[in-house]
C-alpha atoms as a PDB file:
ATOM      1  CA  MET A   1      -8.876 133.523  55.990  1.00  0.00           C
ATOM      2  CA  GLY A   2      -4.767 132.301  56.410  1.00  0.00           C
ATOM      3  CA  ARG A   3      -2.178 131.084  54.413  1.00  0.00           C
ATOM      4  CA  LYS A   4      -1.404 127.264  55.269  1.00  0.00           C
ATOM      5  CA  PRO A   5       1.886 127.003  56.402  1.00  0.00           C
ATOM      6  CA  SER A   6       4.653 125.410  53.882  1.00  0.00           C
ATOM      7  CA  TYR A   7       6.059 122.238  55.509  1.00  0.00           C
ATOM      8  CA  PHE A   8       8.382 122.273  52.460  1.00  0.00           C
ATOM      9  CA  LYS A   9      10.209 125.328  53.544  1.00  0.00           C
ATOM     10  CA  ILE A  10      10.166 125.179  57.115  1.00  0.00           C
ATOM     11  CA  GLY A  11      11.823 121.376  56.947  1.00  0.00           C
ATOM     12  CA  VAL A  12      14.088 123.197  54.132  1.00  0.00           C
ATOM     13  CA  PHE A  13      14.925 125.843  56.523  1.00  0.00           C
ATOM     14  CA  VAL A  14      15.572 123.192  59.736  1.00  0.00           C
ATOM     15  CA  ILE A  15      17.577 121.178  57.502  1.00  0.00           C
ATOM     16  CA  VAL A  16      20.563 124.151  56.270  1.00  0.00           C
ATOM     17  CA  ALA A  17      20.225 125.178  59.962  1.00  0.00           C
ATOM     18  CA  THR A  18      21.231 122.448  61.444  1.00  0.00           C
ATOM     19  CA  ALA A  19      23.933 122.008  58.939  1.00  0.00           C
ATOM     20  CA  MET A  20      25.365 125.183  59.457  1.00  0.00           C
ATOM     21  CA  LEU A  21      25.208 124.789  62.941  1.00  0.00           C
ATOM     22  CA  LEU A  22      27.155 121.618  62.663  1.00  0.00           C
ATOM     23  CA  VAL A  23      29.692 123.052  60.392  1.00  0.00           C
ATOM     24  CA  ALA A  24      30.425 126.195  62.743  1.00  0.00           C
ATOM     25  CA  VAL A  25      30.772 123.694  65.175  1.00  0.00           C
ATOM     26  CA  VAL A  26      32.957 121.594  63.629  1.00  0.00           C
ATOM     27  CA  VAL A  27      34.836 124.505  62.221  1.00  0.00           C
ATOM     28  CA  PHE A  28      35.356 126.192  65.510  1.00  0.00           C
ATOM     29  CA  GLY A  29      35.734 123.141  67.625  1.00  0.00           C
ATOM     30  CA  SER A  30      39.214 122.227  65.235  1.00  0.00           C
ATOM     31  CA  GLY A  31      40.121 125.689  65.652  1.00  0.00           C
ATOM     32  CA  LEU A  32      40.691 127.179  62.418  1.00  0.00           C
ATOM     33  CA  PHE A  33      39.793 130.625  63.805  1.00  0.00           C
ATOM     34  CA  ALA A  34      41.613 130.240  66.924  1.00  0.00           C
ATOM     35  CA  PRO A  35      45.625 131.799  65.326  1.00  0.00           C
ATOM     36  CA  GLY A  36      46.086 132.296  69.114  1.00  0.00           C
ATOM     37  CA  ARG A  37      46.902 128.468  70.086  1.00  0.00           C
ATOM     38  CA  LEU A  38      49.867 125.949  69.248  1.00  0.00           C
ATOM     39  CA  ARG A  39      48.593 122.727  68.859  1.00  0.00           C
ATOM     40  CA  PHE A  40      51.227 119.628  69.841  1.00  0.00           C
ATOM     41  CA  GLU A  41      50.274 115.562  69.552  1.00  0.00           C
ATOM     42  CA  THR A  42      51.881 112.632  71.420  1.00  0.00           C
ATOM     43  CA  TYR A  43      51.186 109.125  71.313  1.00  0.00           C
ATOM     44  CA  PHE A  44      50.275 106.382  74.295  1.00  0.00           C
ATOM     45  CA  ASN A  45      51.147 102.912  74.070  1.00  0.00           C
ATOM     46  CA  GLU A  46      49.291 102.397  77.447  1.00  0.00           C
ATOM     47  CA  SER A  47      45.954 102.414  78.675  1.00  0.00           C
ATOM     48  CA  ILE A  48      44.675 106.010  79.239  1.00  0.00           C
ATOM     49  CA  THR A  49      41.713 105.886  81.562  1.00  0.00           C
ATOM     50  CA  GLY A  50      40.454 108.383  83.244  1.00  0.00           C
ATOM     51  CA  LEU A  51      42.014 111.137  80.768  1.00  0.00           C
ATOM     52  CA  ALA A  52      39.161 112.626  78.349  1.00  0.00           C
ATOM     53  CA  VAL A  53      38.575 115.989  75.923  1.00  0.00           C
ATOM     54  CA  GLY A  54      38.948 119.333  77.606  1.00  0.00           C
ATOM     55  CA  SER A  55      41.114 117.442  80.279  1.00  0.00           C
ATOM     56  CA  PRO A  56      43.874 119.995  81.632  1.00  0.00           C
ATOM     57  CA  VAL A  57      47.684 119.978  80.447  1.00  0.00           C
ATOM     58  CA  GLU A  58      50.315 120.861  82.554  1.00  0.00           C
ATOM     59  CA  PHE A  59      53.708 122.445  82.798  1.00  0.00           C
ATOM     60  CA  ARG A  60      55.704 121.331  86.035  1.00  0.00           C
ATOM     61  CA  GLY A  61      52.346 121.909  87.775  1.00  0.00           C
ATOM     62  CA  VAL A  62      51.424 124.930  85.901  1.00  0.00           C
ATOM     63  CA  ARG A  63      48.405 124.250  83.750  1.00  0.00           C
ATOM     64  CA  ILE A  64      49.158 125.625  80.021  1.00  0.00           C
ATOM     65  CA  GLY A  65      46.412 124.334  78.168  1.00  0.00           C
ATOM     66  CA  GLN A  66      43.688 121.076  77.280  1.00  0.00           C
ATOM     67  CA  VAL A  67      43.209 118.082  75.317  1.00  0.00           C
ATOM     68  CA  GLN A  68      41.627 118.840  72.001  1.00  0.00           C
ATOM     69  CA  SER A  69      40.974 115.297  70.438  1.00  0.00           C
ATOM     70  CA  ILE A  70      41.940 111.507  71.529  1.00  0.00           C
ATOM     71  CA  THR A  71      41.300 108.826  68.910  1.00  0.00           C
ATOM     72  CA  PHE A  72      44.320 106.077  67.748  1.00  0.00           C
ATOM     73  CA  ALA A  73      46.644 106.214  65.972  1.00  0.00           C
ATOM     74  CA  GLY A  74      45.455 104.006  62.748  1.00  0.00           C
ATOM     75  CA  SER A  75      42.226 106.267  62.161  1.00  0.00           C
ATOM     76  CA  ALA A  76      44.094 108.850  62.003  1.00  0.00           C
ATOM     77  CA  TYR A  77      47.322 108.059  59.842  1.00  0.00           C
ATOM     78  CA  ASP A  78      47.616 105.237  57.054  1.00  0.00           C
ATOM     79  CA  ILE A  79      49.909 102.696  58.949  1.00  0.00           C
ATOM     80  CA  PRO A  80      51.479 100.484  56.563  1.00  0.00           C
ATOM     81  CA  ARG A  81      50.795  96.647  57.839  1.00  0.00           C
ATOM     82  CA  GLU A  82      53.860  94.851  58.337  1.00  0.00           C
ATOM     83  CA  ASP A  83      54.025  91.482  56.314  1.00  0.00           C
ATOM     84  CA  GLY A  84      50.090  91.422  55.650  1.00  0.00           C
ATOM     85  CA  ARG A  85      50.079  91.363  59.770  1.00  0.00           C
ATOM     86  CA  LEU A  86      48.617  94.217  61.930  1.00  0.00           C
ATOM     87  CA  SER A  87      51.001  96.939  62.265  1.00  0.00           C
ATOM     88  CA  ALA A  88      52.255  97.979  66.363  1.00  0.00           C
ATOM     89  CA  PHE A  89      51.446 101.272  65.902  1.00  0.00           C
ATOM     90  CA  GLU A  90      47.720 100.447  65.643  1.00  0.00           C
ATOM     91  CA  PRO A  91      46.864 100.578  69.142  1.00  0.00           C
ATOM     92  CA  ILE A  92      49.020 103.358  69.927  1.00  0.00           C
ATOM     93  CA  VAL A  93      46.585 105.952  71.213  1.00  0.00           C
ATOM     94  CA  ARG A  94      47.389 110.026  69.972  1.00  0.00           C
ATOM     95  CA  VAL A  95      46.396 112.720  72.071  1.00  0.00           C
ATOM     96  CA  VAL A  96      45.962 116.063  70.707  1.00  0.00           C
ATOM     97  CA  PHE A  97      46.517 119.156  72.900  1.00  0.00           C
ATOM     98  CA  PHE A  98      46.609 122.967  72.285  1.00  0.00           C
ATOM     99  CA  VAL A  99      48.619 125.382  74.332  1.00  0.00           C
ATOM    100  CA  PRO A 100      47.013 129.434  73.954  1.00  0.00           C
ATOM    101  CA  ARG A 101      50.073 131.123  72.766  1.00  0.00           C
ATOM    102  CA  GLU A 102      49.923 133.782  75.570  1.00  0.00           C
ATOM    103  CA  THR A 103      50.564 131.399  78.439  1.00  0.00           C
ATOM    104  CA  MET A 104      54.049 130.894  76.437  1.00  0.00           C
ATOM    105  CA  PRO A 105      55.140 134.019  74.602  1.00  0.00           C
ATOM    106  CA  ASP A 106      58.755 132.918  73.860  1.00  0.00           C
ATOM    107  CA  PHE A 107      57.474 130.012  71.300  1.00  0.00           C
ATOM    108  CA  ALA A 108      57.730 132.562  68.460  1.00  0.00           C
ATOM    109  CA  VAL A 109      55.994 131.035  65.342  1.00  0.00           C
ATOM    110  CA  GLU A 110      59.326 131.010  63.190  1.00  0.00           C
ATOM    111  CA  ARG A 111      61.486 129.641  66.527  1.00  0.00           C
ATOM    112  CA  THR A 112      58.557 126.933  68.072  1.00  0.00           C
ATOM    113  CA  ASP A 113      60.157 124.174  66.267  1.00  0.00           C
ATOM    114  CA  ALA A 114      63.905 124.518  67.030  1.00  0.00           C
ATOM    115  CA  VAL A 115      63.121 125.689  70.646  1.00  0.00           C
ATOM    116  CA  LEU A 116      61.087 122.441  70.593  1.00  0.00           C
ATOM    117  CA  GLU A 117      63.862 120.033  69.491  1.00  0.00           C
ATOM    118  CA  GLN A 118      66.090 121.810  71.856  1.00  0.00           C
ATOM    119  CA  MET A 119      63.962 120.848  74.896  1.00  0.00           C
ATOM    120  CA  ILE A 120      63.269 117.562  73.435  1.00  0.00           C
ATOM    121  CA  ALA A 121      66.977 116.910  73.174  1.00  0.00           C
ATOM    122  CA  ARG A 122      67.378 117.296  77.337  1.00  0.00           C
ATOM    123  CA  GLY A 123      64.307 115.488  77.834  1.00  0.00           C
ATOM    124  CA  LEU A 124      60.619 117.217  77.575  1.00  0.00           C
ATOM    125  CA  ARG A 125      58.270 113.998  77.957  1.00  0.00           C
ATOM    126  CA  VAL A 126      54.873 113.910  78.165  1.00  0.00           C
ATOM    127  CA  ARG A 127      53.067 111.598  80.411  1.00  0.00           C
ATOM    128  CA  ILE A 128      49.771 111.084  82.014  1.00  0.00           C
ATOM    129  CA  ASN A 129      48.949 111.855  85.946  1.00  0.00           C
ATOM    130  CA  SER A 130      46.354 111.992  88.006  1.00  0.00           C
ATOM    131  CA  ASN A 131      44.649 113.910  90.805  1.00  0.00           C
ATOM    132  CA  ILE A 132      44.439 111.821  94.046  1.00  0.00           C
ATOM    133  CA  LEU A 133      41.611 113.209  95.441  1.00  0.00           C
ATOM    134  CA  THR A 134      39.255 113.370  92.266  1.00  0.00           C
ATOM    135  CA  GLY A 135      40.636 110.953  90.362  1.00  0.00           C
ATOM    136  CA  GLN A 136      40.381 112.987  86.942  1.00  0.00           C
ATOM    137  CA  ALA A 137      43.634 112.165  84.620  1.00  0.00           C
ATOM    138  CA  TYR A 138      45.944 114.897  82.876  1.00  0.00           C
ATOM    139  CA  LEU A 139      48.787 115.558  80.740  1.00  0.00           C
ATOM    140  CA  GLU A 140      51.938 116.816  82.562  1.00  0.00           C
ATOM    141  CA  ALA A 141      54.776 117.212  80.977  1.00  0.00           C
ATOM    142  CA  ASN A 142      58.377 117.833  82.478  1.00  0.00           C
ATOM    143  CA  TYR A 143      61.741 116.892  81.901  1.00  0.00           C
ATOM    144  CA  LEU A 144      62.942 113.423  82.541  1.00  0.00           C
ATOM    145  CA  ASP A 145      65.799 111.042  81.554  1.00  0.00           C
ATOM    146  CA  PRO A 146      66.384 110.861  77.884  1.00  0.00           C
ATOM    147  CA  ARG A 147      68.633 107.844  78.314  1.00  0.00           C
ATOM    148  CA  ARG A 148      65.353 106.134  79.877  1.00  0.00           C
ATOM    149  CA  PHE A 149      62.743 107.320  78.257  1.00  0.00           C
ATOM    150  CA  PRO A 150      63.879 107.454  74.317  1.00  0.00           C
ATOM    151  CA  VAL A 151      62.097 109.005  71.625  1.00  0.00           C
ATOM    152  CA  LEU A 152      59.348 106.963  69.949  1.00  0.00           C
ATOM    153  CA  GLN A 153      60.298 106.981  66.345  1.00  0.00           C
ATOM    154  CA  VAL A 154      56.585 106.412  63.989  1.00  0.00           C
ATOM    155  CA  PRO A 155      56.003 105.505  60.239  1.00  0.00           C
ATOM    156  CA  TRP A 156      54.145 108.973  59.788  1.00  0.00           C
ATOM    157  CA  THR A 157      54.512 112.565  59.264  1.00  0.00           C
ATOM    158  CA  PRO A 158      52.727 114.234  62.112  1.00  0.00           C
ATOM    159  CA  GLN A 159      50.090 116.735  61.494  1.00  0.00           C
ATOM    160  CA  TYR A 160      51.085 119.287  64.463  1.00  0.00           C
ATOM    161  CA  THR A 161      53.996 119.275  66.066  1.00  0.00           C
ATOM    162  CA  TYR A 162      55.027 116.248  68.240  1.00  0.00           C
ATOM    163  CA  ILE A 163      56.437 115.835  71.477  1.00  0.00           C
ATOM    164  CA  PRO A 164      57.174 112.646  73.378  1.00  0.00           C
ATOM    165  CA  SER A 165      55.682 110.754  75.470  1.00  0.00           C
ATOM    166  CA  ALA A 166      56.720 108.679  78.567  1.00  0.00           C
ATOM    167  CA  PRO A 167      55.060 106.194  80.515  1.00  0.00           C
ATOM    168  CA  SER A 168      52.772 107.569  83.593  1.00  0.00           C
ATOM    169  CA  GLU A 169      54.487 107.223  87.162  1.00  0.00           C
ATOM    170  CA  LEU A 170      51.926 104.221  88.055  1.00  0.00           C
ATOM    171  CA  MET A 171      52.564 102.225  84.845  1.00  0.00           C
ATOM    172  CA  THR A 172      56.294 102.724  85.222  1.00  0.00           C
ATOM    173  CA  LEU A 173      56.143 101.393  88.955  1.00  0.00           C
ATOM    174  CA  LYS A 174      54.013  98.431  87.653  1.00  0.00           C
ATOM    175  CA  ASP A 175      56.571  97.796  85.250  1.00  0.00           C
ATOM    176  CA  SER A 176      59.318  97.591  87.530  1.00  0.00           C
ATOM    177  CA  LEU A 177      56.693  95.107  90.109  1.00  0.00           C
ATOM    178  CA  ASP A 178      55.937  93.235  87.058  1.00  0.00           C
ATOM    179  CA  LYS A 179      59.717  92.389  86.456  1.00  0.00           C
ATOM    180  CA  ILE A 180      60.632  91.673  89.650  1.00  0.00           C
ATOM    181  CA  PHE A 181      57.633  89.024  89.989  1.00  0.00           C
ATOM    182  CA  THR A 182      58.903  87.625  86.757  1.00  0.00           C
ATOM    183  CA  ARG A 183      62.140  87.057  88.020  1.00  0.00           C
ATOM    184  CA  LEU A 184      60.970  85.792  91.047  1.00  0.00           C
ATOM    185  CA  GLN A 185      58.730  83.451  89.478  1.00  0.00           C
ATOM    186  CA  GLU A 186      62.231  82.168  87.147  1.00  0.00           C
ATOM    187  CA  ILE A 187      64.227  81.403  90.779  1.00  0.00           C
ATOM    188  CA  ASP A 188      63.820  77.555  91.230  1.00  0.00           C
ATOM    189  CA  PHE A 189      63.223  78.051  94.805  1.00  0.00           C
ATOM    190  CA  GLU A 190      62.786  73.706  94.785  1.00  0.00           C
ATOM    191  CA  GLY A 191      65.993  73.218  93.475  1.00  0.00           C
ATOM    192  CA  LEU A 192      67.923  75.377  95.677  1.00  0.00           C
ATOM    193  CA  VAL A 193      65.606  73.477  98.769  1.00  0.00           C
ATOM    194  CA  ASP A 194      67.032  70.326  97.552  1.00  0.00           C
ATOM    195  CA  SER A 195      70.527  71.425  97.047  1.00  0.00           C
ATOM    196  CA  PHE A 196      70.567  73.065 100.779  1.00  0.00           C
ATOM    197  CA  ARG A 197      69.720  69.792 101.875  1.00  0.00           C
ATOM    198  CA  GLN A 198      72.038  67.954  99.999  1.00  0.00           C
ATOM    199  CA  THR A 199      74.934  70.305 101.091  1.00  0.00           C
ATOM    200  CA  LEU A 200      73.930  69.334 104.501  1.00  0.00           C
ATOM    201  CA  ALA A 201      73.650  65.782 104.384  1.00  0.00           C
ATOM    202  CA  ALA A 202      77.045  66.091 103.051  1.00  0.00           C
ATOM    203  CA  PHE A 203      78.741  68.225 105.535  1.00  0.00           C
ATOM    204  CA  GLU A 204      76.751  65.413 108.163  1.00  0.00           C
ATOM    205  CA  LYS A 205      78.735  62.529 106.033  1.00  0.00           C
ATOM    206  CA  ALA A 206      81.991  64.241 106.415  1.00  0.00           C
ATOM    207  CA  ALA A 207      81.508  65.027 110.135  1.00  0.00           C
ATOM    208  CA  SER A 208      80.320  61.427 110.510  1.00  0.00           C
ATOM    209  CA  ASP A 209      83.331  60.070 108.711  1.00  0.00           C
ATOM    210  CA  ALA A 210      86.144  62.284 110.415  1.00  0.00           C
ATOM    211  CA  ASP A 211      85.803  60.372 113.470  1.00  0.00           C
ATOM    212  CA  LEU A 212      85.742  63.551 115.963  1.00  0.00           C
ATOM    213  CA  ALA A 213      86.480  61.865 118.974  1.00  0.00           C
ATOM    214  CA  ARG A 214      89.476  60.436 117.223  1.00  0.00           C
ATOM    215  CA  VAL A 215      90.000  63.947 116.125  1.00  0.00           C
ATOM    216  CA  SER A 216      89.411  65.230 119.370  1.00  0.00           C
ATOM    217  CA  GLU A 217      92.290  62.251 121.106  1.00  0.00           C
ATOM    218  CA  GLU A 218      94.775  63.496 118.679  1.00  0.00           C
ATOM    219  CA  ALA A 219      94.092  67.585 119.211  1.00  0.00           C
ATOM    220  CA  THR A 220      95.134  66.648 123.249  1.00  0.00           C
ATOM    221  CA  GLY A 221      97.945  64.322 122.758  1.00  0.00           C
ATOM    222  CA  LEU A 222      99.712  67.129 120.090  1.00  0.00           C
ATOM    223  CA  LEU A 223      98.865  69.648 122.812  1.00  0.00           C
ATOM    224  CA  ALA A 224     100.327  67.536 125.749  1.00  0.00           C
ATOM    225  CA  GLU A 225     103.406  66.901 123.571  1.00  0.00           C
ATOM    226  CA  ALA A 226     103.851  70.138 123.105  1.00  0.00           C
ATOM    227  CA  ARG A 227     103.493  70.710 126.734  1.00  0.00           C
ATOM    228  CA  GLN A 228     106.664  68.002 127.391  1.00  0.00           C
ATOM    229  CA  LYS A 229     109.229  69.952 124.740  1.00  0.00           C
ATOM    230  CA  VAL A 230     108.256  73.779 126.174  1.00  0.00           C
ATOM    231  CA  ALA A 231     109.286  71.592 129.632  1.00  0.00           C
ATOM    232  CA  ALA A 232     112.202  69.711 128.380  1.00  0.00           C
ATOM    233  CA  LEU A 233     113.842  73.439 127.309  1.00  0.00           C
ATOM    234  CA  ASP A 234     116.449  74.636 129.430  1.00  0.00           C
ATOM    235  CA  THR A 235     115.539  78.317 130.364  1.00  0.00           C
ATOM    236  CA  ALA A 236     117.627  78.360 133.651  1.00  0.00           C
ATOM    237  CA  GLY A 237     120.558  77.493 131.149  1.00  0.00           C
ATOM    238  CA  ILE A 238     119.393  79.482 128.468  1.00  0.00           C
ATOM    239  CA  SER A 239     118.878  82.942 130.478  1.00  0.00           C
ATOM    240  CA  ASP A 240     122.390  81.738 131.907  1.00  0.00           C
ATOM    241  CA  ALA A 241     123.649  82.215 128.552  1.00  0.00           C
ATOM    242  CA  VAL A 242     122.185  85.131 127.765  1.00  0.00           C
ATOM    243  CA  HIS A 243     123.565  87.332 130.680  1.00  0.00           C
ATOM    244  CA  ARG A 244     126.899  85.578 129.961  1.00  0.00           C
ATOM    245  CA  LEU A 245     126.314  87.647 126.245  1.00  0.00           C
ATOM    246  CA  LEU A 246     125.270  90.577 127.891  1.00  0.00           C
ATOM    247  CA  ALA A 247     128.679  90.604 130.114  1.00  0.00           C
ATOM    248  CA  SER A 248     130.793  90.118 127.428  1.00  0.00           C
ATOM    249  CA  LEU A 249     129.343  92.646 125.453  1.00  0.00           C
ATOM    250  CA  ASP A 250     129.805  95.140 128.213  1.00  0.00           C
ATOM    251  CA  GLN A 251     133.498  94.242 128.666  1.00  0.00           C
ATOM    252  CA  THR A 252     133.664  94.428 124.870  1.00  0.00           C
ATOM    253  CA  VAL A 253     132.616  97.689 125.224  1.00  0.00           C
ATOM    254  CA  ALA A 254     135.027  98.774 128.226  1.00  0.00           C
ATOM    255  CA  ASP A 255     138.106  97.402 126.691  1.00  0.00           C
ATOM    256  CA  ALA A 256     137.254  99.669 123.599  1.00  0.00           C
ATOM    257  CA  ASN A 257     138.239 102.538 125.493  1.00  0.00           C
ATOM    258  CA  VAL A 258     135.468 104.554 123.890  1.00  0.00           C
ATOM    259  CA  PRO A 259     137.363 107.910 125.511  1.00  0.00           C
ATOM    260  CA  GLU A 260     140.092 107.141 123.769  1.00  0.00           C
ATOM    261  CA  LEU A 261     138.956 106.188 120.230  1.00  0.00           C
ATOM    262  CA  SER A 262     136.868 109.698 120.991  1.00  0.00           C
ATOM    263  CA  GLY A 263     140.185 111.685 121.120  1.00  0.00           C
ATOM    264  CA  GLU A 264     141.633 110.239 118.124  1.00  0.00           C
ATOM    265  CA  ALA A 265     139.310 110.969 116.414  1.00  0.00           C
ATOM    266  CA  LYS A 266     138.428 114.821 117.353  1.00  0.00           C
ATOM    267  CA  ARG A 267     142.568 114.847 116.971  1.00  0.00           C
ATOM    268  CA  LEU A 268     141.931 113.030 113.381  1.00  0.00           C
ATOM    269  CA  ILE A 269     139.087 116.547 112.725  1.00  0.00           C
ATOM    270  CA  ALA A 270     141.498 118.712 113.847  1.00  0.00           C
ATOM    271  CA  GLU A 271     144.255 117.622 111.230  1.00  0.00           C
ATOM    272  CA  VAL A 272     141.394 117.665 108.495  1.00  0.00           C
ATOM    273  CA  ARG A 273     140.279 121.308 109.508  1.00  0.00           C
ATOM    274  CA  GLY A 274     144.242 122.368 109.491  1.00  0.00           C
ATOM    275  CA  THR A 275     144.535 120.732 105.858  1.00  0.00           C
ATOM    276  CA  ASN A 276     141.621 122.659 104.497  1.00  0.00           C
ATOM    277  CA  ASP A 277     143.215 125.735 106.084  1.00  0.00           C
ATOM    278  CA  HIS A 278     146.367 125.002 103.971  1.00  0.00           C
ATOM    279  CA  LEU A 279     144.564 124.674 100.712  1.00  0.00           C
ATOM    280  CA  HIS A 280     142.360 127.614 101.242  1.00  0.00           C
ATOM    281  CA  ARG A 281     145.210 129.406 101.944  1.00  0.00           C
ATOM    282  CA  LEU A 282     147.476 128.000  98.677  1.00  0.00           C
ATOM    283  CA  LEU A 283     144.023 128.505  96.771  1.00  0.00           C
ATOM    284  CA  ALA A 284     143.472 132.114  98.192  1.00  0.00           C
ATOM    285  CA  ALA A 285     143.546 134.880  95.427  1.00  0.00           C
ATOM    286  CA  PRO A 286     146.774 137.509  95.575  1.00  0.00           C
ATOM    287  CA  GLU A 287     146.788 140.405  97.026  1.00  0.00           C
ATOM    288  CA  GLY A 288     144.938 142.857  94.817  1.00  0.00           C
ATOM    289  CA  MET A 289     142.753 140.629  93.117  1.00  0.00           C
ATOM    290  CA  ALA A 290     139.532 141.701  93.182  1.00  0.00           C
ATOM    291  CA  GLY A 291     137.645 137.838  93.084  1.00  0.00           C
ATOM    292  CA  GLY A 292     138.210 134.634  94.559  1.00  0.00           C
ATOM    293  CA  THR A 293     140.695 132.027  93.508  1.00  0.00           C
ATOM    294  CA  ASN A 294     140.326 130.333  89.970  1.00  0.00           C
ATOM    295  CA  LEU A 295     143.014 127.647  89.972  1.00  0.00           C
ATOM    296  CA  PRO A 296     141.441 126.570  86.442  1.00  0.00           C
ATOM    297  CA  GLU A 297     141.561 130.124  85.082  1.00  0.00           C
ATOM    298  CA  VAL A 298     145.287 130.444  86.280  1.00  0.00           C
ATOM    299  CA  VAL A 299     146.439 126.617  84.556  1.00  0.00           C
ATOM    300  CA  ALA A 300     144.117 128.166  81.658  1.00  0.00           C
ATOM    301  CA  ARG A 301     146.704 131.742  81.903  1.00  0.00           C
ATOM    302  CA  LEU A 302     149.877 129.418  82.535  1.00  0.00           C
ATOM    303  CA  ASN A 303     149.354 127.286  78.891  1.00  0.00           C
ATOM    304  CA  ARG A 304     148.444 130.627  77.277  1.00  0.00           C
ATOM    305  CA  VAL A 305     151.775 131.967  78.182  1.00  0.00           C
ATOM    306  CA  MET A 306     153.665 128.826  77.420  1.00  0.00           C
ATOM    307  CA  LEU A 307     152.007 128.600  73.771  1.00  0.00           C
ATOM    308  CA  SER A 308     153.048 132.256  73.522  1.00  0.00           C
ATOM    309  CA  ILE A 309     156.541 131.481  74.664  1.00  0.00           C
ATOM    310  CA  ASP A 310     156.970 128.790  72.076  1.00  0.00           C
ATOM    311  CA  ARG A 311     155.477 130.505  68.871  1.00  0.00           C
ATOM    312  CA  LEU A 312     157.986 133.191  70.197  1.00  0.00           C
ATOM    313  CA  ILE A 313     160.891 130.328  69.784  1.00  0.00           C
ATOM    314  CA  ALA A 314     159.467 129.102  66.896  1.00  0.00           C
ATOM    315  CA  THR A 315     159.346 132.543  65.248  1.00  0.00           C
ATOM    316  CA  GLU A 316     162.869 134.243  66.519  1.00  0.00           C
ATOM    317  CA  ARG A 317     164.403 130.718  66.315  1.00  0.00           C
ATOM    318  CA  PRO A 318     167.434 131.686  63.446  1.00  0.00           C
ATOM    319  CA  GLU A 319     168.832 134.450  65.099  1.00  0.00           C
ATOM    320  CA  ILE A 320     168.550 132.965  68.721  1.00  0.00           C
ATOM    321  CA  GLU A 321     170.839 130.316  67.110  1.00  0.00           C
ATOM    322  CA  VAL A 322     172.919 132.904  65.827  1.00  0.00           C
ATOM    323  CA  ILE A 323     173.341 134.859  69.547  1.00  0.00           C
ATOM    324  CA  ILE A 324     173.880 131.678  71.182  1.00  0.00           C
ATOM    325  CA  GLY A 325     176.702 130.463  68.620  1.00  0.00           C
ATOM    326  CA  ASN A 326     178.274 133.982  69.433  1.00  0.00           C
ATOM    327  CA  PHE A 327     177.845 133.312  72.995  1.00  0.00           C
ATOM    328  CA  ARG A 328     179.417 130.110  72.498  1.00  0.00           C
ATOM    329  CA  GLU A 329     182.170 131.560  70.943  1.00  0.00           C
ATOM    330  CA  ILE A 330     182.729 134.399  73.514  1.00  0.00           C
ATOM    331  CA  SER A 331     183.050 131.768  75.796  1.00  0.00           C
ATOM    332  CA  ASP A 332     185.484 129.804  74.269  1.00  0.00           C
ATOM    333  CA  ASN A 333     187.504 132.854  73.921  1.00  0.00           C
ATOM    334  CA  LEU A 334     187.081 133.927  77.270  1.00  0.00           C
ATOM    335  CA  ARG A 335     187.818 130.063  78.387  1.00  0.00           C
ATOM    336  CA  ASP A 336     191.621 130.841  76.452  1.00  0.00           C
ATOM    337  CA  LEU A 337     192.025 133.972  77.532  1.00  0.00           C
ATOM    338  CA  SER A 338     191.670 132.958  81.615  1.00  0.00           C
ATOM    339  CA  GLU A 339     194.174 129.926  80.614  1.00  0.00           C
ATOM    340  CA  SER A 340     196.715 132.432  79.440  1.00  0.00           C
ATOM    341  CA  LEU A 341     196.589 134.454  82.172  1.00  0.00           C
ATOM    342  CA  ARG A 342     197.022 131.670  84.644  1.00  0.00           C
ATOM    343  CA  ALA A 343     199.530 130.576  82.661  1.00  0.00           C
ATOM    344  CA  ARG A 344     201.273 133.680  82.333  1.00  0.00           C
ATOM    345  CA  PRO A 345     199.826 136.526  84.126  1.00  0.00           C
ATOM    346  CA  SER A 346     202.356 139.123  82.979  1.00  0.00           C
ATOM    347  CA  GLU A 347     200.625 139.084  79.784  1.00  0.00           C
ATOM    348  CA  LEU A 348     197.711 141.012  81.427  1.00  0.00           C
ATOM    349  CA  LEU A 349     200.267 144.192  81.783  1.00  0.00           C
ATOM    350  CA  PHE A 350     202.812 143.569  78.905  1.00  0.00           C
ATOM    351  CA  SER A 351     201.713 142.090  75.658  1.00  0.00           C
ATOM    352  CA  GLN A 352     204.855 139.974  75.611  1.00  0.00           C
ATOM    353  CA  PRO A 353     207.308 138.570  78.012  1.00  0.00           C
ATOM    354  CA  PRO A 354     210.481 140.984  78.526  1.00  0.00           C
ATOM    355  CA  ARG A 355     213.741 140.015  76.776  1.00  0.00           C
ATOM    356  CA  GLN A 356     216.513 138.371  78.382  1.00  0.00           C
ATOM    357  CA  SER A 357     219.449 140.544  79.140  1.00  0.00           C
ATOM    358  CA  GLU A 358     222.631 140.409  77.566  1.00  0.00           C
ATOM    359  CA  ALA A 359     224.584 139.882  80.556  1.00  0.00           C
ATOM    360  CA  TYR A 360     221.664 136.616  81.486  1.00  0.00           C
ATOM    361  CA  LYS A 361     223.034 135.898  78.081  1.00  0.00           C
END
């Protein structure tokens, strides 16, 4: 006869096996034993209908990973309340996704944060998109305008590397339409219609007050008066006066004797050319000089010669005065000699005049 089965041991075995299975699911599901994965997280302040765990993650149309978990930020982080009220970050959806390292080999472990910081500064954002055929939602990473989609600053420290998000294209279109419709609703169409009616009434009143018939009559009278003024003008007399003026101008030109004036002008030009030639000959360089005439240089040389003569006179002045005195004395002697010879020419041959003869005595 066999033993009775121990239900206690069986129950303990089932409980332990179930616990181990749950632990394995949790551990392997959390990715603790998957060091080859890069984990990122992002936040959405909009509905993520259609996005589920396992949804693909694409970068410019290339699948690079998948969604790992979807929760609310308030359940994952301790968000402080604002003045006892619910924080605006509580309903934000937190999405964690992973990317196998082999799909992005450029992301080294020590360079991941630095590279991602540069990519985020250039406009890297994550947004929700959906497949038109299947309707399945997925995450799409792409570069957008960083000024239009700024980075959301969160009051907690993210567990994984944080990549900012951007509203989906459908949400962006919806927001734009909402803004347009809101502005259209703010327009007071009834007030515009009333203003238009008032403007039309004012125009009608102005037209009725203007007495268009009288205005037309005055305009007709003005045109008639203008015609009379034009008809009163002596156009024939004006034409004759113009003809006389033209004839007078022709006579003036004829009296001016243009050919004679032209000849005189030519002679004047010829004289000017002759004068110019004389000046060239006067200022021409002497024969043998290599360079051309330089009148300032000639004047400078004359000044230097005069200065040299002045210095020579100032230096030799005493001797020159003695020489001039001698010349004066010689001149006086020559004058006396010439007067003596004029009075007594015989002195040139005899030193004294001949004696008188005794007989003459």
